[in-house]
């Protein structure tokens, strides 16, 4: 096998991987749209009694998209208003999110 043949084969496989990553990202974005809570919503979770959702994005590792979501929150200050602190929730904490009306 020559260097050029190797490059062609590797490029073909990388293209397949990139297409799979794009599809995973699309599935996760569809899931995010179907969640009962959205960015900016006031919620509670196992980490904070009151917090606001800062962002919800597909989780990405060095290999590509994992099929999970990354949720960042702003906890409440002592006076009950939204703080500027930002936390990333773990998967078990994400499962505990409940929207506050």
PDB file of N, CA and C in Angstrom:
ATOM      1  N   UNK A   1       0.851  -1.170   0.000  1.00  0.00           N
ATOM      2  CA  UNK A   1       0.000   0.000   0.000  1.00  0.00           C
ATOM      3  C   UNK A   1       0.899   1.236   0.000  1.00  0.00           C
ATOM      4  N   UNK A   2       0.549   2.184  -0.827  1.00  0.00           N
ATOM      5  CA  UNK A   2       1.329   3.418  -0.899  1.00  0.00           C
ATOM      6  C   UNK A   2       0.764   4.430   0.092  1.00  0.00           C
ATOM      7  N   UNK A   3       1.493   5.502   0.262  1.00  0.00           N
ATOM      8  CA  UNK A   3       1.074   6.566   1.169  1.00  0.00           C
ATOM      9  C   UNK A   3      -0.241   7.191   0.684  1.00  0.00           C
ATOM     10  N   UNK A   4      -0.377   7.350  -0.618  1.00  0.00           N
ATOM     11  CA  UNK A   4      -1.587   7.939  -1.193  1.00  0.00           C
ATOM     12  C   UNK A   4      -2.802   7.030  -0.983  1.00  0.00           C
ATOM     13  N   UNK A   5      -2.613   5.725  -1.152  1.00  0.00           N
ATOM     14  CA  UNK A   5      -3.708   4.775  -0.932  1.00  0.00           C
ATOM     15  C   UNK A   5      -4.151   4.783   0.532  1.00  0.00           C
ATOM     16  N   UNK A   6      -3.171   4.855   1.423  1.00  0.00           N
ATOM     17  CA  UNK A   6      -3.481   4.940   2.850  1.00  0.00           C
ATOM     18  C   UNK A   6      -4.295   6.189   3.146  1.00  0.00           C
ATOM     19  N   UNK A   7      -3.870   7.316   2.591  1.00  0.00           N
ATOM     20  CA  UNK A   7      -4.576   8.577   2.825  1.00  0.00           C
ATOM     21  C   UNK A   7      -6.024   8.490   2.345  1.00  0.00           C
ATOM     22  N   UNK A   8      -6.249   7.893   1.185  1.00  0.00           N
ATOM     23  CA  UNK A   8      -7.604   7.752   0.646  1.00  0.00           C
ATOM     24  C   UNK A   8      -8.460   6.907   1.583  1.00  0.00           C
ATOM     25  N   UNK A   9      -7.925   5.791   2.062  1.00  0.00           N
ATOM     26  CA  UNK A   9      -8.677   4.902   2.953  1.00  0.00           C
ATOM     27  C   UNK A   9      -8.976   5.575   4.291  1.00  0.00           C
ATOM     28  N   UNK A  10      -7.983   6.270   4.842  1.00  0.00           N
ATOM     29  CA  UNK A  10      -8.174   6.964   6.119  1.00  0.00           C
ATOM     30  C   UNK A  10      -9.190   8.087   5.963  1.00  0.00           C
ATOM     31  N   UNK A  11      -9.087   8.866   4.886  1.00  0.00           N
ATOM     32  CA  UNK A  11     -10.040   9.955   4.656  1.00  0.00           C
ATOM     33  C   UNK A  11     -11.469   9.430   4.539  1.00  0.00           C
ATOM     34  N   UNK A  12     -11.634   8.278   3.902  1.00  0.00           N
ATOM     35  CA  UNK A  12     -12.961   7.673   3.769  1.00  0.00           C
ATOM     36  C   UNK A  12     -13.524   7.311   5.141  1.00  0.00           C
ATOM     37  N   UNK A  13     -12.703   6.709   5.994  1.00  0.00           N
ATOM     38  CA  UNK A  13     -13.151   6.321   7.335  1.00  0.00           C
ATOM     39  C   UNK A  13     -13.430   7.550   8.202  1.00  0.00           C
ATOM     40  N   UNK A  14     -12.596   8.584   8.086  1.00  0.00           N
ATOM     41  CA  UNK A  14     -12.824   9.816   8.845  1.00  0.00           C
ATOM     42  C   UNK A  14     -14.132  10.475   8.423  1.00  0.00           C
ATOM     43  N   UNK A  15     -14.449  10.401   7.151  1.00  0.00           N
ATOM     44  CA  UNK A  15     -15.707  10.944   6.659  1.00  0.00           C
ATOM     45  C   UNK A  15     -16.893  10.202   7.280  1.00  0.00           C
ATOM     46  N   UNK A  16     -16.787   8.888   7.377  1.00  0.00           N
ATOM     47  CA  UNK A  16     -17.848   8.083   8.000  1.00  0.00           C
ATOM     48  C   UNK A  16     -18.010   8.463   9.472  1.00  0.00           C
ATOM     49  N   UNK A  17     -16.888   8.632  10.166  1.00  0.00           N
ATOM     50  CA  UNK A  17     -16.921   9.017  11.581  1.00  0.00           C
ATOM     51  C   UNK A  17     -17.560  10.390  11.744  1.00  0.00           C
ATOM     52  N   UNK A  18     -17.181  11.351  10.898  1.00  0.00           N
ATOM     53  CA  UNK A  18     -17.749  12.698  10.983  1.00  0.00           C
ATOM     54  C   UNK A  18     -19.250  12.682  10.716  1.00  0.00           C
ATOM     55  N   UNK A  19     -19.678  11.885   9.736  1.00  0.00           N
ATOM     56  CA  UNK A  19     -21.113  11.780   9.448  1.00  0.00           C
ATOM     57  C   UNK A  19     -21.864  11.186  10.639  1.00  0.00           C
ATOM     58  N   UNK A  20     -21.279  10.171  11.279  1.00  0.00           N
ATOM     59  CA  UNK A  20     -21.907   9.559  12.458  1.00  0.00           C
ATOM     60  C   UNK A  20     -21.997  10.565  13.603  1.00  0.00           C
ATOM     61  N   UNK A  21     -20.938  11.357  13.808  1.00  0.00           N
ATOM     62  CA  UNK A  21     -20.955  12.378  14.855  1.00  0.00           C
ATOM     63  C   UNK A  21     -22.030  13.422  14.584  1.00  0.00           C
ATOM     64  N   UNK A  22     -22.162  13.840  13.324  1.00  0.00           N
ATOM     65  CA  UNK A  22     -23.194  14.814  12.975  1.00  0.00           C
ATOM     66  C   UNK A  22     -24.587  14.255  13.248  1.00  0.00           C
ATOM     67  N   UNK A  23     -24.784  12.979  12.972  1.00  0.00           N
ATOM     68  CA  UNK A  23     -26.078  12.344  13.207  1.00  0.00           C
ATOM     69  C   UNK A  23     -26.375  12.240  14.705  1.00  0.00           C
ATOM     70  N   UNK A  24     -25.374  11.882  15.497  1.00  0.00           N
ATOM     71  CA  UNK A  24     -25.540  11.817  16.957  1.00  0.00           C
ATOM     72  C   UNK A  24     -25.907  13.191  17.496  1.00  0.00           C
ATOM     73  N   UNK A  25     -25.203  14.216  17.030  1.00  0.00           N
ATOM     74  CA  UNK A  25     -25.479  15.589  17.467  1.00  0.00           C
ATOM     75  C   UNK A  25     -26.915  15.977  17.117  1.00  0.00           C
ATOM     76  N   UNK A  26     -27.364  15.610  15.944  1.00  0.00           N
ATOM     77  CA  UNK A  26     -28.729  15.908  15.520  1.00  0.00           C
ATOM     78  C   UNK A  26     -29.750  15.218  16.428  1.00  0.00           C
ATOM     79  N   UNK A  27     -29.511  13.945  16.763  1.00  0.00           N
ATOM     80  CA  UNK A  27     -30.408  13.213  17.661  1.00  0.00           C
ATOM     81  C   UNK A  27     -30.473  13.882  19.037  1.00  0.00           C
ATOM     82  N   UNK A  28     -29.311  14.276  19.553  1.00  0.00           N
ATOM     83  CA  UNK A  28     -29.269  14.900  20.881  1.00  0.00           C
ATOM     84  C   UNK A  28     -29.974  16.255  20.849  1.00  0.00           C
ATOM     85  N   UNK A  29     -29.802  17.025  19.776  1.00  0.00           N
ATOM     86  CA  UNK A  29     -30.502  18.306  19.662  1.00  0.00           C
ATOM     87  C   UNK A  29     -32.012  18.107  19.612  1.00  0.00           C
ATOM     88  N   UNK A  30     -32.473  17.061  18.934  1.00  0.00           N
ATOM     89  CA  UNK A  30     -33.908  16.744  18.935  1.00  0.00           C
ATOM     90  C   UNK A  30     -34.380  16.415  20.350  1.00  0.00           C
ATOM     91  N   UNK A  31     -33.567  15.671  21.092  1.00  0.00           N
ATOM     92  CA  UNK A  31     -33.895  15.328  22.480  1.00  0.00           C
ATOM     93  C   UNK A  31     -33.961  16.592  23.341  1.00  0.00           C
ATOM     94  N   UNK A  32     -32.994  17.493  23.159  1.00  0.00           N
ATOM     95  CA  UNK A  32     -32.967  18.744  23.931  1.00  0.00           C
ATOM     96  C   UNK A  32     -34.242  19.545  23.684  1.00  0.00           C
ATOM     97  N   UNK A  33     -34.697  19.600  22.436  1.00  0.00           N
ATOM     98  CA  UNK A  33     -35.925  20.333  22.113  1.00  0.00           C
ATOM     99  C   UNK A  33     -37.150  19.727  22.788  1.00  0.00           C
ATOM    100  N   UNK A  34     -37.114  18.429  23.064  1.00  0.00           N
ATOM    101  CA  UNK A  34     -38.276  17.764  23.667  1.00  0.00           C
ATOM    102  C   UNK A  34     -38.274  17.804  25.195  1.00  0.00           C
ATOM    103  N   UNK A  35     -37.216  18.320  25.809  1.00  0.00           N
ATOM    104  CA  UNK A  35     -37.139  18.361  27.273  1.00  0.00           C
ATOM    105  C   UNK A  35     -38.218  19.278  27.846  1.00  0.00           C
ATOM    106  N   UNK A  36     -38.720  18.990  29.047  1.00  0.00           N
ATOM    107  CA  UNK A  36     -39.758  19.833  29.651  1.00  0.00           C
ATOM    108  C   UNK A  36     -39.221  21.161  30.194  1.00  0.00           C
ATOM    109  N   UNK A  37     -37.924  21.332  30.224  1.00  0.00           N
ATOM    110  CA  UNK A  37     -37.311  22.581  30.673  1.00  0.00           C
ATOM    111  C   UNK A  37     -36.409  23.112  29.565  1.00  0.00           C
ATOM    112  N   UNK A  38     -36.257  24.438  29.544  1.00  0.00           N
ATOM    113  CA  UNK A  38     -35.473  25.102  28.500  1.00  0.00           C
ATOM    114  C   UNK A  38     -34.464  26.046  29.146  1.00  0.00           C
ATOM    115  N   UNK A  39     -33.574  26.599  28.331  1.00  0.00           N
ATOM    116  CA  UNK A  39     -32.597  27.577  28.807  1.00  0.00           C
ATOM    117  C   UNK A  39     -33.355  28.775  29.376  1.00  0.00           C
ATOM    118  N   UNK A  40     -32.943  29.226  30.557  1.00  0.00           N
ATOM    119  CA  UNK A  40     -33.580  30.355  31.222  1.00  0.00           C
ATOM    120  C   UNK A  40     -34.637  29.959  32.232  1.00  0.00           C
ATOM    121  N   UNK A  41     -35.062  28.702  32.235  1.00  0.00           N
ATOM    122  CA  UNK A  41     -36.092  28.250  33.173  1.00  0.00           C
ATOM    123  C   UNK A  41     -35.542  28.155  34.592  1.00  0.00           C
ATOM    124  N   UNK A  42     -36.428  28.450  35.548  1.00  0.00           N
ATOM    125  CA  UNK A  42     -36.115  28.284  36.965  1.00  0.00           C
ATOM    126  C   UNK A  42     -36.434  26.840  37.328  1.00  0.00           C
ATOM    127  N   UNK A  43     -35.443  26.129  37.868  1.00  0.00           N
ATOM    128  CA  UNK A  43     -35.601  24.703  38.153  1.00  0.00           C
ATOM    129  C   UNK A  43     -35.026  24.366  39.526  1.00  0.00           C
ATOM    130  N   UNK A  44     -35.277  23.133  39.956  1.00  0.00           N
ATOM    131  CA  UNK A  44     -34.603  22.579  41.131  1.00  0.00           C
ATOM    132  C   UNK A  44     -33.972  21.267  40.693  1.00  0.00           C
ATOM    133  N   UNK A  45     -32.906  20.885  41.391  1.00  0.00           N
ATOM    134  CA  UNK A  45     -32.236  19.615  41.092  1.00  0.00           C
ATOM    135  C   UNK A  45     -31.598  19.107  42.378  1.00  0.00           C
ATOM    136  N   UNK A  46     -30.938  17.981  42.304  1.00  0.00           N
ATOM    137  CA  UNK A  46     -30.342  17.402  43.507  1.00  0.00           C
ATOM    138  C   UNK A  46     -29.184  18.243  44.047  1.00  0.00           C
ATOM    139  N   UNK A  47     -28.599  19.107  43.230  1.00  0.00           N
ATOM    140  CA  UNK A  47     -27.498  19.950  43.696  1.00  0.00           C
ATOM    141  C   UNK A  47     -28.003  21.261  44.301  1.00  0.00           C
ATOM    142  N   UNK A  48     -29.026  21.859  43.689  1.00  0.00           N
ATOM    143  CA  UNK A  48     -29.530  23.162  44.137  1.00  0.00           C
ATOM    144  C   UNK A  48     -31.053  23.125  44.256  1.00  0.00           C
ATOM    145  N   UNK A  49     -31.561  23.716  45.334  1.00  0.00           N
ATOM    146  CA  UNK A  49     -33.014  23.795  45.491  1.00  0.00           C
ATOM    147  C   UNK A  49     -33.622  24.729  44.455  1.00  0.00           C
ATOM    148  N   UNK A  50     -32.917  25.837  44.168  1.00  0.00           N
ATOM    149  CA  UNK A  50     -33.380  26.797  43.166  1.00  0.00           C
ATOM    150  C   UNK A  50     -32.191  27.178  42.294  1.00  0.00           C
ATOM    151  N   UNK A  51     -32.377  27.060  40.980  1.00  0.00           N
ATOM    152  CA  UNK A  51     -31.332  27.471  40.044  1.00  0.00           C
ATOM    153  C   UNK A  51     -31.973  27.763  38.694  1.00  0.00           C
ATOM    154  N   UNK A  52     -31.202  28.345  37.800  1.00  0.00           N
ATOM    155  CA  UNK A  52     -31.665  28.666  36.460  1.00  0.00           C
ATOM    156  C   UNK A  52     -30.777  27.951  35.448  1.00  0.00           C
ATOM    157  N   UNK A  53     -31.381  27.481  34.385  1.00  0.00           N
ATOM    158  CA  UNK A  53     -30.607  26.786  33.358  1.00  0.00           C
ATOM    159  C   UNK A  53     -29.896  27.814  32.488  1.00  0.00           C
ATOM    160  N   UNK A  54     -28.592  27.712  32.448  1.00  0.00           N
ATOM    161  CA  UNK A  54     -27.749  28.618  31.653  1.00  0.00           C
ATOM    162  C   UNK A  54     -27.616  28.110  30.217  1.00  0.00           C
ATOM    163  N   UNK A  55     -27.369  26.797  30.051  1.00  0.00           N
ATOM    164  CA  UNK A  55     -27.244  26.228  28.706  1.00  0.00           C
ATOM    165  C   UNK A  55     -27.511  24.729  28.740  1.00  0.00           C
ATOM    166  N   UNK A  56     -27.973  24.225  27.607  1.00  0.00           N
ATOM    167  CA  UNK A  56     -28.149  22.784  27.397  1.00  0.00           C
ATOM    168  C   UNK A  56     -27.577  22.488  26.015  1.00  0.00           C
ATOM    169  N   UNK A  57     -26.495  21.723  25.984  1.00  0.00           N
ATOM    170  CA  UNK A  57     -25.833  21.414  24.712  1.00  0.00           C
ATOM    171  C   UNK A  57     -25.472  19.929  24.656  1.00  0.00           C
ATOM    172  N   UNK A  58     -25.259  19.395  23.455  1.00  0.00           N
ATOM    173  CA  UNK A  58     -24.783  18.013  23.355  1.00  0.00           C
ATOM    174  C   UNK A  58     -23.395  17.884  23.983  1.00  0.00           C
ATOM    175  N   UNK A  59     -23.193  16.828  24.767  1.00  0.00           N
ATOM    176  CA  UNK A  59     -21.893  16.598  25.403  1.00  0.00           C
ATOM    177  C   UNK A  59     -20.910  16.083  24.357  1.00  0.00           C
ATOM    178  N   UNK A  60     -19.697  16.628  24.401  1.00  0.00           N
ATOM    179  CA  UNK A  60     -18.681  16.233  23.429  1.00  0.00           C
ATOM    180  C   UNK A  60     -17.406  15.842  24.164  1.00  0.00           C
ATOM    181  N   UNK A  61     -16.811  14.731  23.751  1.00  0.00           N
ATOM    182  CA  UNK A  61     -15.527  14.307  24.299  1.00  0.00           C
ATOM    183  C   UNK A  61     -14.475  14.496  23.214  1.00  0.00           C
ATOM    184  N   UNK A  62     -13.277  14.068  23.490  1.00  0.00           N
ATOM    185  CA  UNK A  62     -12.217  14.217  22.491  1.00  0.00           C
ATOM    186  C   UNK A  62     -12.483  13.371  21.251  1.00  0.00           C
ATOM    187  N   UNK A  63     -13.308  12.339  21.359  1.00  0.00           N
ATOM    188  CA  UNK A  63     -13.626  11.471  20.216  1.00  0.00           C
ATOM    189  C   UNK A  63     -14.817  11.970  19.412  1.00  0.00           C
ATOM    190  N   UNK A  64     -15.647  12.782  20.014  1.00  0.00           N
ATOM    191  CA  UNK A  64     -16.852  13.263  19.340  1.00  0.00           C
ATOM    192  C   UNK A  64     -18.007  13.324  20.316  1.00  0.00           C
ATOM    193  N   UNK A  65     -19.215  13.375  19.794  1.00  0.00           N
ATOM    194  CA  UNK A  65     -20.399  13.479  20.635  1.00  0.00           C
ATOM    195  C   UNK A  65     -20.673  12.160  21.343  1.00  0.00           C
ATOM    196  N   UNK A  66     -21.098  12.265  22.603  1.00  0.00           N
ATOM    197  CA  UNK A  66     -21.286  11.075  23.435  1.00  0.00           C
ATOM    198  C   UNK A  66     -22.726  10.575  23.442  1.00  0.00           C
ATOM    199  N   UNK A  67     -23.657  11.388  22.966  1.00  0.00           N
ATOM    200  CA  UNK A  67     -25.070  11.015  23.031  1.00  0.00           C
ATOM    201  C   UNK A  67     -25.729  11.489  24.312  1.00  0.00           C
ATOM    202  N   UNK A  68     -25.003  12.225  25.136  1.00  0.00           N
ATOM    203  CA  UNK A  68     -25.539  12.769  26.384  1.00  0.00           C
ATOM    204  C   UNK A  68     -25.643  14.283  26.248  1.00  0.00           C
ATOM    205  N   UNK A  69     -26.245  14.919  27.268  1.00  0.00           N
ATOM    206  CA  UNK A  69     -26.338  16.377  27.262  1.00  0.00           C
ATOM    207  C   UNK A  69     -25.503  16.963  28.388  1.00  0.00           C
ATOM    208  N   UNK A  70     -25.082  18.206  28.180  1.00  0.00           N
ATOM    209  CA  UNK A  70     -24.370  18.953  29.213  1.00  0.00           C
ATOM    210  C   UNK A  70     -25.275  20.112  29.619  1.00  0.00           C
ATOM    211  N   UNK A  71     -25.622  20.166  30.893  1.00  0.00           N
ATOM    212  CA  UNK A  71     -26.494  21.217  31.413  1.00  0.00           C
ATOM    213  C   UNK A  71     -25.683  22.073  32.372  1.00  0.00           C
ATOM    214  N   UNK A  72     -25.678  23.376  32.114  1.00  0.00           N
ATOM    215  CA  UNK A  72     -25.018  24.337  33.004  1.00  0.00           C
ATOM    216  C   UNK A  72     -26.099  25.158  33.697  1.00  0.00           C
ATOM    217  N   UNK A  73     -25.890  25.393  34.989  1.00  0.00           N
ATOM    218  CA  UNK A  73     -26.885  26.128  35.777  1.00  0.00           C
ATOM    219  C   UNK A  73     -26.242  27.302  36.504  1.00  0.00           C
ATOM    220  N   UNK A  74     -27.090  28.279  36.847  1.00  0.00           N
ATOM    221  CA  UNK A  74     -26.727  29.364  37.751  1.00  0.00           C
ATOM    222  C   UNK A  74     -27.531  29.156  39.027  1.00  0.00           C
ATOM    223  N   UNK A  75     -26.876  28.888  40.167  1.00  0.00           N
ATOM    224  CA  UNK A  75     -27.624  28.724  41.415  1.00  0.00           C
ATOM    225  C   UNK A  75     -28.156  30.069  41.917  1.00  0.00           C
ATOM    226  N   UNK A  76     -29.072  29.994  42.869  1.00  0.00           N
ATOM    227  CA  UNK A  76     -29.629  31.206  43.463  1.00  0.00           C
ATOM    228  C   UNK A  76     -28.664  31.770  44.501  1.00  0.00           C
ATOM    229  N   UNK A  77     -28.668  33.106  44.617  1.00  0.00           N
ATOM    230  CA  UNK A  77     -27.918  33.761  45.695  1.00  0.00           C
ATOM    231  C   UNK A  77     -28.706  33.582  46.991  1.00  0.00           C
ATOM    232  N   UNK A  78     -28.130  34.047  48.102  1.00  0.00           N
ATOM    233  CA  UNK A  78     -28.822  33.939  49.392  1.00  0.00           C
ATOM    234  C   UNK A  78     -30.138  34.707  49.392  1.00  0.00           C
ATOM    235  N   UNK A  79     -30.204  35.801  48.606  1.00  0.00           N
ATOM    236  CA  UNK A  79     -31.447  36.581  48.552  1.00  0.00           C
ATOM    237  C   UNK A  79     -32.465  36.006  47.555  1.00  0.00           C
ATOM    238  N   UNK A  80     -32.123  34.894  46.904  1.00  0.00           N
ATOM    239  CA  UNK A  80     -33.055  34.220  46.006  1.00  0.00           C
ATOM    240  C   UNK A  80     -32.959  34.621  44.546  1.00  0.00           C
ATOM    241  N   UNK A  81     -32.096  35.595  44.235  1.00  0.00           N
ATOM    242  CA  UNK A  81     -31.942  35.999  42.836  1.00  0.00           C
ATOM    243  C   UNK A  81     -30.884  35.141  42.148  1.00  0.00           C
ATOM    244  N   UNK A  82     -30.845  35.236  40.853  1.00  0.00           N
ATOM    245  CA  UNK A  82     -29.924  34.429  40.040  1.00  0.00           C
ATOM    246  C   UNK A  82     -28.488  34.924  40.207  1.00  0.00           C
ATOM    247  N   UNK A  83     -27.576  33.992  40.448  1.00  0.00           N
ATOM    248  CA  UNK A  83     -26.165  34.360  40.594  1.00  0.00           C
ATOM    249  C   UNK A  83     -25.456  34.248  39.249  1.00  0.00           C
ATOM    250  N   UNK A  84     -24.217  34.714  39.203  1.00  0.00           N
ATOM    251  CA  UNK A  84     -23.390  34.580  38.003  1.00  0.00           C
ATOM    252  C   UNK A  84     -22.522  33.330  38.056  1.00  0.00           C
ATOM    253  N   UNK A  85     -22.547  32.618  39.191  1.00  0.00           N
ATOM    254  CA  UNK A  85     -21.781  31.368  39.279  1.00  0.00           C
ATOM    255  C   UNK A  85     -22.381  30.359  38.319  1.00  0.00           C
ATOM    256  N   UNK A  86     -21.539  29.485  37.811  1.00  0.00           N
ATOM    257  CA  UNK A  86     -22.005  28.502  36.832  1.00  0.00           C
ATOM    258  C   UNK A  86     -21.475  27.128  37.196  1.00  0.00           C
ATOM    259  N   UNK A  87     -22.377  26.149  37.217  1.00  0.00           N
ATOM    260  CA  UNK A  87     -22.006  24.761  37.500  1.00  0.00           C
ATOM    261  C   UNK A  87     -22.438  23.875  36.340  1.00  0.00           C
ATOM    262  N   UNK A  88     -21.656  22.835  36.083  1.00  0.00           N
ATOM    263  CA  UNK A  88     -22.049  21.802  35.126  1.00  0.00           C
ATOM    264  C   UNK A  88     -22.635  20.651  35.929  1.00  0.00           C
ATOM    265  N   UNK A  89     -23.830  20.207  35.561  1.00  0.00           N
ATOM    266  CA  UNK A  89     -24.479  19.111  36.278  1.00  0.00           C
ATOM    267  C   UNK A  89     -23.993  17.764  35.764  1.00  0.00           C
ATOM    268  N   UNK A  90     -23.855  16.811  36.684  1.00  0.00           N
ATOM    269  CA  UNK A  90     -23.536  15.428  36.330  1.00  0.00           C
ATOM    270  C   UNK A  90     -24.800  14.750  35.836  1.00  0.00           C
ATOM    271  N   UNK A  91     -24.665  13.595  35.209  1.00  0.00           N
ATOM    272  CA  UNK A  91     -25.824  12.921  34.604  1.00  0.00           C
ATOM    273  C   UNK A  91     -26.920  12.609  35.619  1.00  0.00           C
ATOM    274  N   UNK A  92     -26.549  12.165  36.830  1.00  0.00           N
ATOM    275  CA  UNK A  92     -27.577  11.851  37.830  1.00  0.00           C
ATOM    276  C   UNK A  92     -28.266  13.126  38.308  1.00  0.00           C
ATOM    277  N   UNK A  93     -27.557  14.254  38.294  1.00  0.00           N
ATOM    278  CA  UNK A  93     -28.167  15.529  38.672  1.00  0.00           C
ATOM    279  C   UNK A  93     -29.110  16.013  37.571  1.00  0.00           C
ATOM    280  N   UNK A  94     -28.749  15.753  36.317  1.00  0.00           N
ATOM    281  CA  UNK A  94     -29.609  16.137  35.195  1.00  0.00           C
ATOM    282  C   UNK A  94     -30.940  15.400  35.291  1.00  0.00           C
ATOM    283  N   UNK A  95     -30.894  14.135  35.665  1.00  0.00           N
ATOM    284  CA  UNK A  95     -32.116  13.333  35.786  1.00  0.00           C
ATOM    285  C   UNK A  95     -33.045  13.849  36.878  1.00  0.00           C
ATOM    286  N   UNK A  96     -32.506  14.619  37.832  1.00  0.00           N
ATOM    287  CA  UNK A  96     -33.315  15.100  38.954  1.00  0.00           C
ATOM    288  C   UNK A  96     -33.920  16.485  38.711  1.00  0.00           C
ATOM    289  N   UNK A  97     -33.700  17.091  37.556  1.00  0.00           N
ATOM    290  CA  UNK A  97     -34.188  18.451  37.284  1.00  0.00           C
ATOM    291  C   UNK A  97     -35.710  18.469  37.241  1.00  0.00           C
ATOM    292  N   UNK A  98     -36.283  19.424  37.984  1.00  0.00           N
ATOM    293  CA  UNK A  98     -37.730  19.653  37.998  1.00  0.00           C
ATOM    294  C   UNK A  98     -37.965  21.144  37.779  1.00  0.00           C
ATOM    295  N   UNK A  99     -38.853  21.472  36.857  1.00  0.00           N
ATOM    296  CA  UNK A  99     -39.160  22.866  36.562  1.00  0.00           C
ATOM    297  C   UNK A  99     -39.983  23.471  37.693  1.00  0.00           C
ATOM    298  N   UNK A 100     -39.623  24.691  38.080  1.00  0.00           N
ATOM    299  CA  UNK A 100     -40.365  25.438  39.100  1.00  0.00           C
ATOM    300  C   UNK A 100     -41.209  26.473  38.372  1.00  0.00           C
ATOM    301  N   UNK A 101     -42.480  26.569  38.734  1.00  0.00           N
ATOM    302  CA  UNK A 101     -43.373  27.499  38.020  1.00  0.00           C
ATOM    303  C   UNK A 101     -43.170  28.918  38.396  1.00  0.00           C
TER     304      UNK A 101
END
